[in-house]
């Protein structure tokens, strides 16, 4: 009698945990970067009432008699499936396509997250606005006139110089391409200024 009650109670308690996990999945349906949880069950060790017997020349073998003692939670897993990417219009919002995590740092502690809803603090550092943890990565450096990303070095805080001005640089070359109007009349040698004006095509554009 006690075994039957315990087995039933174990099922109720552990299925309540499964409902808790499902409720958490539903409540986080709009949470950025959230990954759903899954509960796996397993049966508990059975109690043996009588052992097995091997077959003899007179009778066949007998299987053991066992009574199950209920069930238990085997594991609660996080399912890392790829979510849908959405455009937010915010320049500091980023997402990961495929495997990987964002690395966030709080002092000497490192944290990992799939949520990429980041922002900038007053110093231009890319942070998680919920807790101020700093996003880690690599800043591109200019080498021999090209921007190079050295991922072999240690990751560091990403500082975006918002509001700074680049030094002015004079324009060295201008390339312009266009199609001329084939119906423009040909200007003959010795043409008058009026004829030259008819055969001249011009356009204006600004160079910054």
Protein backbone atom coordinates (compact mmCIF):
# COMPACT_ATOMS: atom_id res chain seq x y z
CA UNK A 1 0.00 0.00 0.00
CA UNK A 2 2.78 2.42 0.92
CA UNK A 3 4.65 1.67 -2.29
CA UNK A 4 1.63 2.54 -4.41
CA UNK A 5 1.13 5.83 -2.58
CA UNK A 6 4.79 6.77 -2.88
CA UNK A 7 4.88 5.94 -6.59
CA UNK A 8 1.81 8.09 -7.23
CA UNK A 9 3.16 10.99 -5.16
CA UNK A 10 6.53 10.87 -6.94
CA UNK A 11 4.73 11.13 -10.28
CA UNK A 12 2.70 14.14 -9.11
CA UNK A 13 5.71 15.95 -7.68
CA UNK A 14 7.94 15.43 -10.69
CA UNK A 15 5.22 16.29 -13.21
CA UNK A 16 4.67 19.47 -11.22
CA UNK A 17 8.32 20.28 -11.93
CA UNK A 18 7.66 19.68 -15.62
CA UNK A 19 4.71 22.09 -15.48
CA UNK A 20 6.99 24.64 -13.80
CA UNK A 21 9.48 24.35 -16.67
CA UNK A 22 6.69 24.66 -19.26
CA UNK A 23 5.34 27.72 -17.46
CA UNK A 24 8.79 29.27 -17.49
CA UNK A 25 9.04 28.62 -21.24
CA UNK A 26 5.69 30.32 -21.85
CA UNK A 27 6.49 33.31 -19.64
CA UNK A 28 9.75 33.93 -21.56
CA UNK A 29 8.20 33.71 -25.02
CA UNK A 30 9.28 37.31 -25.76
CA UNK A 31 12.56 37.28 -23.82
CA UNK A 32 15.52 38.12 -26.07
CA UNK A 33 17.85 35.16 -26.52
CA UNK A 34 15.82 32.81 -24.29
CA UNK A 35 16.21 29.06 -24.85
CA UNK A 36 13.47 26.70 -23.72
CA UNK A 37 13.91 24.01 -21.12
CA UNK A 38 12.96 20.34 -21.30
CA UNK A 39 12.41 17.82 -18.49
CA UNK A 40 13.50 14.20 -18.88
CA UNK A 41 12.14 11.50 -16.57
CA UNK A 42 13.42 8.09 -15.59
CA UNK A 43 11.99 5.28 -13.49
CA UNK A 44 13.43 4.56 -10.08
CA UNK A 45 15.13 1.30 -9.11
CA UNK A 46 12.57 -1.45 -8.73
CA UNK A 47 12.22 -3.54 -5.57
CA UNK A 48 12.70 -7.23 -6.18
CA UNK A 49 10.15 -9.53 -4.56
CA UNK A 50 11.65 -12.77 -5.81
CA UNK A 51 14.68 -13.63 -7.85
CA UNK A 52 15.02 -15.30 -11.20
CA UNK A 53 15.57 -19.02 -11.67
CA UNK A 54 17.43 -20.64 -14.49
CA UNK A 55 15.84 -23.45 -16.51
CA UNK A 56 16.45 -27.05 -15.58
CA UNK A 57 15.91 -30.34 -17.33
CA UNK A 58 12.43 -30.51 -15.81
CA UNK A 59 11.11 -26.90 -15.87
CA UNK A 60 11.85 -23.69 -17.69
CA UNK A 61 13.37 -20.54 -16.27
CA UNK A 62 11.46 -18.02 -14.14
CA UNK A 63 11.79 -14.26 -14.46
CA UNK A 64 12.27 -12.13 -11.34
CA UNK A 65 9.29 -10.39 -9.73
CA UNK A 66 9.94 -6.65 -9.35
CA UNK A 67 7.79 -3.72 -8.29
CA UNK A 68 8.58 -0.21 -9.53
CA UNK A 69 9.03 2.49 -6.89
CA UNK A 70 7.88 5.43 -8.99
CA UNK A 71 9.79 7.88 -11.13
CA UNK A 72 12.28 10.70 -10.81
CA UNK A 73 13.66 13.61 -12.84
CA UNK A 74 16.65 12.53 -14.90
CA UNK A 75 17.64 15.98 -16.18
CA UNK A 76 16.39 19.44 -17.08
CA UNK A 77 18.02 20.40 -20.37
CA UNK A 78 18.28 23.70 -22.22
CA UNK A 79 17.46 23.36 -25.93
CA UNK A 80 19.81 25.59 -27.92
CA UNK A 81 17.90 25.74 -31.20
CA UNK A 82 18.39 28.69 -33.57
CA UNK A 83 15.80 31.40 -33.00
CA UNK A 84 14.34 33.80 -35.54
CA UNK A 85 16.41 36.88 -36.28
CA UNK A 86 14.52 40.18 -36.12
CA UNK A 87 15.40 43.65 -37.32
CA UNK A 88 15.06 46.21 -34.51
CA UNK A 89 16.50 49.32 -36.13
CA UNK A 90 18.89 49.75 -33.16
CA UNK A 91 22.53 49.87 -34.26
CA UNK A 92 23.81 48.22 -31.08
CA UNK A 93 21.46 45.21 -31.28
CA UNK A 94 23.30 42.14 -32.57
CA UNK A 95 22.48 38.44 -32.95
CA UNK A 96 24.34 35.18 -33.43
CA UNK A 97 23.55 32.95 -36.40
CA UNK A 98 24.64 29.44 -35.44
CA UNK A 99 26.65 28.33 -32.43
CA UNK A 100 28.39 30.62 -29.97
CA UNK A 101 27.82 33.07 -27.14
CA UNK A 102 28.45 36.71 -26.39
CA UNK A 103 31.09 37.16 -23.69
CA UNK A 104 30.21 39.68 -20.98
CA UNK A 105 32.54 40.75 -18.21
CA UNK A 106 31.94 42.07 -14.71
CA UNK A 107 35.32 42.79 -13.19
CA UNK A 108 37.25 39.52 -13.38
CA UNK A 109 34.13 37.39 -13.88
CA UNK A 110 33.05 36.33 -17.37
CA UNK A 111 29.47 35.50 -18.35
CA UNK A 112 28.00 34.07 -21.53
CA UNK A 113 24.73 35.03 -23.18
CA UNK A 114 22.81 34.62 -26.42
CA UNK A 115 20.90 37.88 -25.91
CA UNK A 116 22.33 40.71 -28.01
CA UNK A 117 20.20 43.68 -26.91
CA UNK A 118 23.17 45.89 -26.06
CA UNK A 119 23.63 49.60 -25.58
CA UNK A 120 26.32 52.23 -24.98
CA UNK A 121 27.19 53.81 -21.65
CA UNK A 122 28.33 57.41 -21.23
CA UNK A 123 31.90 56.42 -22.14
CA UNK A 124 30.89 54.71 -25.39
CA UNK A 125 31.47 51.18 -24.04
CA UNK A 126 29.17 48.47 -25.41
CA UNK A 127 27.33 47.01 -22.41
CA UNK A 128 24.30 44.98 -21.42
CA UNK A 129 21.90 47.73 -20.28
CA UNK A 130 20.19 45.37 -17.81
CA UNK A 131 23.23 44.95 -15.55
CA UNK A 132 26.07 47.01 -17.03
CA UNK A 133 28.22 43.99 -17.93
CA UNK A 134 30.72 44.92 -20.63
CA UNK A 135 30.68 43.13 -23.98
CA UNK A 136 34.03 41.59 -24.92
CA UNK A 137 35.51 41.43 -28.42
CA UNK A 138 38.20 42.82 -30.71
CA UNK A 139 38.47 46.27 -32.21
CA UNK A 140 39.74 46.57 -35.78
CA UNK A 141 43.13 48.29 -36.09
CA UNK A 142 44.52 50.12 -39.13
CA UNK A 143 47.67 48.51 -40.52
CA UNK A 144 49.27 49.62 -43.79
CA UNK A 145 46.12 51.44 -44.79
CA UNK A 146 43.83 48.45 -44.13
CA UNK A 147 41.58 47.60 -41.20
CA UNK A 148 42.76 44.36 -39.57
CA UNK A 149 40.98 42.30 -36.90
CA UNK A 150 43.42 40.36 -34.71
CA UNK A 151 41.39 37.64 -32.96
CA UNK A 152 44.55 35.95 -31.65
CA UNK A 153 44.88 38.61 -28.95
CA UNK A 154 42.85 38.73 -25.74
CA UNK A 155 39.29 40.02 -25.99
CA UNK A 156 38.73 43.48 -24.56
CA UNK A 157 36.00 46.02 -23.91
CA UNK A 158 34.40 47.33 -27.09
CA UNK A 159 34.55 51.12 -27.02
CA UNK A 160 32.75 52.92 -29.83
CA UNK A 161 33.87 56.57 -30.13
CA UNK A 162 30.43 58.10 -30.54
CA UNK A 163 30.51 61.83 -31.30
CA UNK A 164 34.21 62.00 -32.14
CA UNK A 165 35.31 63.59 -35.40
CA UNK A 166 37.79 62.17 -37.85
CA UNK A 167 40.42 64.64 -39.09
CA UNK A 168 39.64 66.24 -42.43
CA UNK A 169 41.40 64.79 -45.44
CA UNK A 170 41.72 66.50 -48.80
CA UNK A 171 40.22 64.76 -51.82
CA UNK A 172 42.93 63.36 -54.06
CA UNK A 173 41.02 61.74 -56.92
CA UNK A 174 37.53 62.01 -58.35
CA UNK A 175 36.08 59.39 -60.66
CA UNK A 176 33.01 60.29 -62.68
CA UNK A 177 31.19 58.07 -65.16
CA UNK A 178 28.11 58.83 -67.23
CA UNK A 179 26.44 58.23 -70.59
CA UNK A 180 26.35 61.11 -73.08
CA UNK A 181 23.21 61.95 -75.04
CA UNK A 182 23.65 60.50 -78.53
CA UNK A 183 21.21 63.07 -79.95
CA UNK A 184 23.48 66.00 -79.02
CA UNK A 185 24.44 67.77 -82.30
CA UNK A 186 28.07 67.63 -83.42
CA UNK A 187 30.06 70.83 -83.05
CA UNK A 188 31.86 71.71 -86.27
CA UNK A 189 35.05 73.70 -86.52
CA UNK A 190 34.39 77.44 -86.64
CA UNK A 191 30.93 77.06 -85.06
CA UNK A 192 29.38 80.12 -83.49
CA UNK A 193 28.94 80.42 -79.71
CA UNK A 194 25.22 79.74 -80.15
CA UNK A 195 25.91 76.45 -81.99
CA UNK A 196 28.49 75.48 -79.37
CA UNK A 197 25.89 76.03 -76.65
CA UNK A 198 23.47 73.71 -78.45
CA UNK A 199 26.05 70.92 -78.62
CA UNK A 200 27.25 71.21 -75.04
CA UNK A 201 25.98 68.96 -72.24
CA UNK A 202 26.67 69.76 -68.60
CA UNK A 203 25.68 68.57 -65.15
CA UNK A 204 26.47 69.62 -61.60
CA UNK A 205 27.44 67.54 -58.57
CA UNK A 206 28.98 68.32 -55.21
CA UNK A 207 32.31 66.96 -53.98
CA UNK A 208 32.83 66.71 -50.22
